């Protein structure tokens, strides 16, 4: 068991995976902040697209 833990701690892929997980988390937070900040414009755009599709 200790051998496995030591091997996992040396594993560089685990570090890369952790870095990617942190990066994805940061990007999600940025996306949420952008959606909240531009909520009105997004709603207007969505309504315009919806109206355009419904008029077809």
C-alpha atoms as a PDB file:
ATOM      1  CA  UNK A   1       0.000   0.000   0.000  1.00  0.00           C
ATOM      2  CA  UNK A   2       2.790   2.429   0.881  1.00  0.00           C
ATOM      3  CA  UNK A   3       4.508   1.601  -2.371  1.00  0.00           C
ATOM      4  CA  UNK A   4       1.401   2.521  -4.322  1.00  0.00           C
ATOM      5  CA  UNK A   5       1.069   5.812  -2.450  1.00  0.00           C
ATOM      6  CA  UNK A   6       4.717   6.639  -3.134  1.00  0.00           C
ATOM      7  CA  UNK A   7       4.262   5.859  -6.800  1.00  0.00           C
ATOM      8  CA  UNK A   8       1.172   8.045  -6.978  1.00  0.00           C
ATOM      9  CA  UNK A   9       2.969  10.911  -5.273  1.00  0.00           C
ATOM     10  CA  UNK A  10       5.745  10.712  -7.855  1.00  0.00           C
ATOM     11  CA  UNK A  11       3.310  10.535 -10.705  1.00  0.00           C
ATOM     12  CA  UNK A  12       3.572  13.707 -12.762  1.00  0.00           C
ATOM     13  CA  UNK A  13       0.270  13.070 -14.505  1.00  0.00           C
ATOM     14  CA  UNK A  14      -1.526  13.536 -11.225  1.00  0.00           C
ATOM     15  CA  UNK A  15      -0.008  16.989 -10.924  1.00  0.00           C
ATOM     16  CA  UNK A  16      -1.068  17.817 -14.481  1.00  0.00           C
ATOM     17  CA  UNK A  17      -4.586  16.608 -13.778  1.00  0.00           C
ATOM     18  CA  UNK A  18      -4.779  18.781 -10.691  1.00  0.00           C
ATOM     19  CA  UNK A  19      -3.579  21.799 -12.650  1.00  0.00           C
ATOM     20  CA  UNK A  20      -6.205  21.202 -15.333  1.00  0.00           C
ATOM     21  CA  UNK A  21      -8.913  20.841 -12.689  1.00  0.00           C
ATOM     22  CA  UNK A  22      -7.914  24.158 -11.136  1.00  0.00           C
ATOM     23  CA  UNK A  23      -7.847  25.794 -14.574  1.00  0.00           C
ATOM     24  CA  UNK A  24     -11.317  24.494 -15.417  1.00  0.00           C
ATOM     25  CA  UNK A  25     -12.603  25.722 -12.056  1.00  0.00           C
ATOM     26  CA  UNK A  26     -11.218  29.210 -12.680  1.00  0.00           C
ATOM     27  CA  UNK A  27     -12.742  29.291 -16.166  1.00  0.00           C
ATOM     28  CA  UNK A  28     -16.140  28.261 -14.793  1.00  0.00           C
ATOM     29  CA  UNK A  29     -16.004  31.048 -12.213  1.00  0.00           C
ATOM     30  CA  UNK A  30     -15.084  33.577 -14.926  1.00  0.00           C
ATOM     31  CA  UNK A  31     -17.948  32.340 -17.124  1.00  0.00           C
ATOM     32  CA  UNK A  32     -20.445  32.657 -14.261  1.00  0.00           C
ATOM     33  CA  UNK A  33     -19.260  36.190 -13.484  1.00  0.00           C
ATOM     34  CA  UNK A  34     -19.539  37.150 -17.169  1.00  0.00           C
ATOM     35  CA  UNK A  35     -23.063  35.733 -17.415  1.00  0.00           C
ATOM     36  CA  UNK A  36     -24.139  37.637 -14.311  1.00  0.00           C
ATOM     37  CA  UNK A  37     -22.514  40.866 -15.539  1.00  0.00           C
ATOM     38  CA  UNK A  38     -24.069  40.675 -19.012  1.00  0.00           C
ATOM     39  CA  UNK A  39     -27.382  39.091 -18.019  1.00  0.00           C
ATOM     40  CA  UNK A  40     -29.484  41.866 -19.587  1.00  0.00           C
ATOM     41  CA  UNK A  41     -27.682  41.770 -22.924  1.00  0.00           C
ATOM     42  CA  UNK A  42     -27.799  37.981 -23.023  1.00  0.00           C
ATOM     43  CA  UNK A  43     -31.549  38.063 -22.371  1.00  0.00           C
ATOM     44  CA  UNK A  44     -32.070  40.619 -25.152  1.00  0.00           C
ATOM     45  CA  UNK A  45     -29.995  38.555 -27.568  1.00  0.00           C
ATOM     46  CA  UNK A  46     -31.829  35.348 -26.653  1.00  0.00           C
ATOM     47  CA  UNK A  47     -35.213  37.058 -27.125  1.00  0.00           C
ATOM     48  CA  UNK A  48     -34.144  38.413 -30.525  1.00  0.00           C
ATOM     49  CA  UNK A  49     -32.981  34.977 -31.655  1.00  0.00           C
ATOM     50  CA  UNK A  50     -36.171  33.385 -30.362  1.00  0.00           C
ATOM     51  CA  UNK A  51     -38.339  35.947 -32.158  1.00  0.00           C
ATOM     52  CA  UNK A  52     -36.398  35.425 -35.364  1.00  0.00           C
ATOM     53  CA  UNK A  53     -36.852  31.670 -35.211  1.00  0.00           C
ATOM     54  CA  UNK A  54     -40.548  31.962 -34.358  1.00  0.00           C
ATOM     55  CA  UNK A  55     -41.150  34.279 -37.324  1.00  0.00           C
ATOM     56  CA  UNK A  56     -39.888  31.638 -39.744  1.00  0.00           C
END
